[in-house]
Amino acid sequence: EKELAAVKIKPGDVDIIANELE
């Protein structure tokens, strides 16, 4: 579900989520 949420946010925010997944 986290991956789908990343699609909804802005490209710049993707980096933030990527850090959370790590």
PDB file of N, CA and C in Angstrom:
ATOM      1  N   GLU A   1       0.842  -1.206   0.000  1.00  0.00           N
ATOM      2  CA  GLU A   1       0.000   0.000   0.000  1.00  0.00           C
ATOM      3  C   GLU A   1       0.873   1.251   0.000  1.00  0.00           C
ATOM      4  N   LYS A   2       2.020   1.170   0.636  1.00  0.00           N
ATOM      5  CA  LYS A   2       2.922   2.328   0.692  1.00  0.00           C
ATOM      6  C   LYS A   2       3.364   2.720  -0.716  1.00  0.00           C
ATOM      7  N   GLU A   3       3.616   1.734  -1.554  1.00  0.00           N
ATOM      8  CA  GLU A   3       4.070   2.018  -2.921  1.00  0.00           C
ATOM      9  C   GLU A   3       2.991   2.761  -3.697  1.00  0.00           C
ATOM     10  N   LEU A   4       1.737   2.352  -3.513  1.00  0.00           N
ATOM     11  CA  LEU A   4       0.633   3.010  -4.222  1.00  0.00           C
ATOM     12  C   LEU A   4       0.506   4.449  -3.739  1.00  0.00           C
ATOM     13  N   ALA A   5       0.729   4.663  -2.456  1.00  0.00           N
ATOM     14  CA  ALA A   5       0.621   6.009  -1.892  1.00  0.00           C
ATOM     15  C   ALA A   5       1.685   6.905  -2.512  1.00  0.00           C
ATOM     16  N   ALA A   6       2.849   6.346  -2.784  1.00  0.00           N
ATOM     17  CA  ALA A   6       3.944   7.129  -3.359  1.00  0.00           C
ATOM     18  C   ALA A   6       3.552   7.665  -4.730  1.00  0.00           C
ATOM     19  N   VAL A   7       2.722   6.908  -5.429  1.00  0.00           N
ATOM     20  CA  VAL A   7       2.312   7.329  -6.774  1.00  0.00           C
ATOM     21  C   VAL A   7       1.427   8.572  -6.703  1.00  0.00           C
ATOM     22  N   LYS A   8       0.693   8.700  -5.621  1.00  0.00           N
ATOM     23  CA  LYS A   8      -0.235   9.831  -5.481  1.00  0.00           C
ATOM     24  C   LYS A   8       0.503  11.125  -5.126  1.00  0.00           C
ATOM     25  N   ILE A   9       1.625  10.999  -4.399  1.00  0.00           N
ATOM     26  CA  ILE A   9       2.352  12.198  -3.976  1.00  0.00           C
ATOM     27  C   ILE A   9       3.221  12.750  -5.103  1.00  0.00           C
ATOM     28  N   LYS A  10       3.873  13.861  -4.845  1.00  0.00           N
ATOM     29  CA  LYS A  10       4.737  14.483  -5.862  1.00  0.00           C
ATOM     30  C   LYS A  10       6.067  13.732  -5.986  1.00  0.00           C
ATOM     31  N   PRO A  11       6.705  13.790  -7.153  1.00  0.00           N
ATOM     32  CA  PRO A  11       7.988  13.120  -7.397  1.00  0.00           C
ATOM     33  C   PRO A  11       9.025  13.469  -6.337  1.00  0.00           C
ATOM     34  N   GLY A  12       9.048  14.708  -5.891  1.00  0.00           N
ATOM     35  CA  GLY A  12      10.030  15.134  -4.884  1.00  0.00           C
ATOM     36  C   GLY A  12       9.800  14.419  -3.563  1.00  0.00           C
ATOM     37  N   ASP A  13       8.534  14.098  -3.274  1.00  0.00           N
ATOM     38  CA  ASP A  13       8.215  13.427  -2.012  1.00  0.00           C
ATOM     39  C   ASP A  13       8.590  11.950  -2.061  1.00  0.00           C
ATOM     40  N   VAL A  14       8.762  11.429  -3.267  1.00  0.00           N
ATOM     41  CA  VAL A  14       9.111  10.008  -3.413  1.00  0.00           C
ATOM     42  C   VAL A  14      10.409   9.707  -2.679  1.00  0.00           C
ATOM     43  N   ASP A  15      11.362  10.630  -2.723  1.00  0.00           N
ATOM     44  CA  ASP A  15      12.644  10.418  -2.043  1.00  0.00           C
ATOM     45  C   ASP A  15      12.418  10.230  -0.552  1.00  0.00           C
ATOM     46  N   ILE A  16      11.480  10.993   0.014  1.00  0.00           N
ATOM     47  CA  ILE A  16      11.209  10.899   1.455  1.00  0.00           C
ATOM     48  C   ILE A  16      10.666   9.513   1.795  1.00  0.00           C
ATOM     49  N   ILE A  17       9.734   9.034   0.993  1.00  0.00           N
ATOM     50  CA  ILE A  17       9.155   7.704   1.247  1.00  0.00           C
ATOM     51  C   ILE A  17      10.212   6.624   1.048  1.00  0.00           C
ATOM     52  N   ALA A  18      11.073   6.810   0.073  1.00  0.00           N
ATOM     53  CA  ALA A  18      12.126   5.830  -0.194  1.00  0.00           C
ATOM     54  C   ALA A  18      12.992   5.666   1.049  1.00  0.00           C
ATOM     55  N   ASN A  19      13.268   6.762   1.726  1.00  0.00           N
ATOM     56  CA  ASN A  19      14.073   6.703   2.944  1.00  0.00           C
ATOM     57  C   ASN A  19      13.333   5.935   4.029  1.00  0.00           C
ATOM     58  N   GLU A  20      12.027   6.100   4.113  1.00  0.00           N
ATOM     59  CA  GLU A  20      11.235   5.408   5.133  1.00  0.00           C
ATOM     60  C   GLU A  20      11.227   3.905   4.863  1.00  0.00           C
ATOM     61  N   LEU A  21      11.176   3.525   3.583  1.00  0.00           N
ATOM     62  CA  LEU A  21      11.169   2.101   3.233  1.00  0.00           C
ATOM     63  C   LEU A  21      12.501   1.466   3.602  1.00  0.00           C
ATOM     64  N   GLU A  22      13.582   2.207   3.465  1.00  0.00           N
ATOM     65  CA  GLU A  22      14.896   1.682   3.809  1.00  0.00           C
ATOM     66  C   GLU A  22      14.978   1.480   5.310  1.00  0.00           C
TER      67      GLU A  22
END
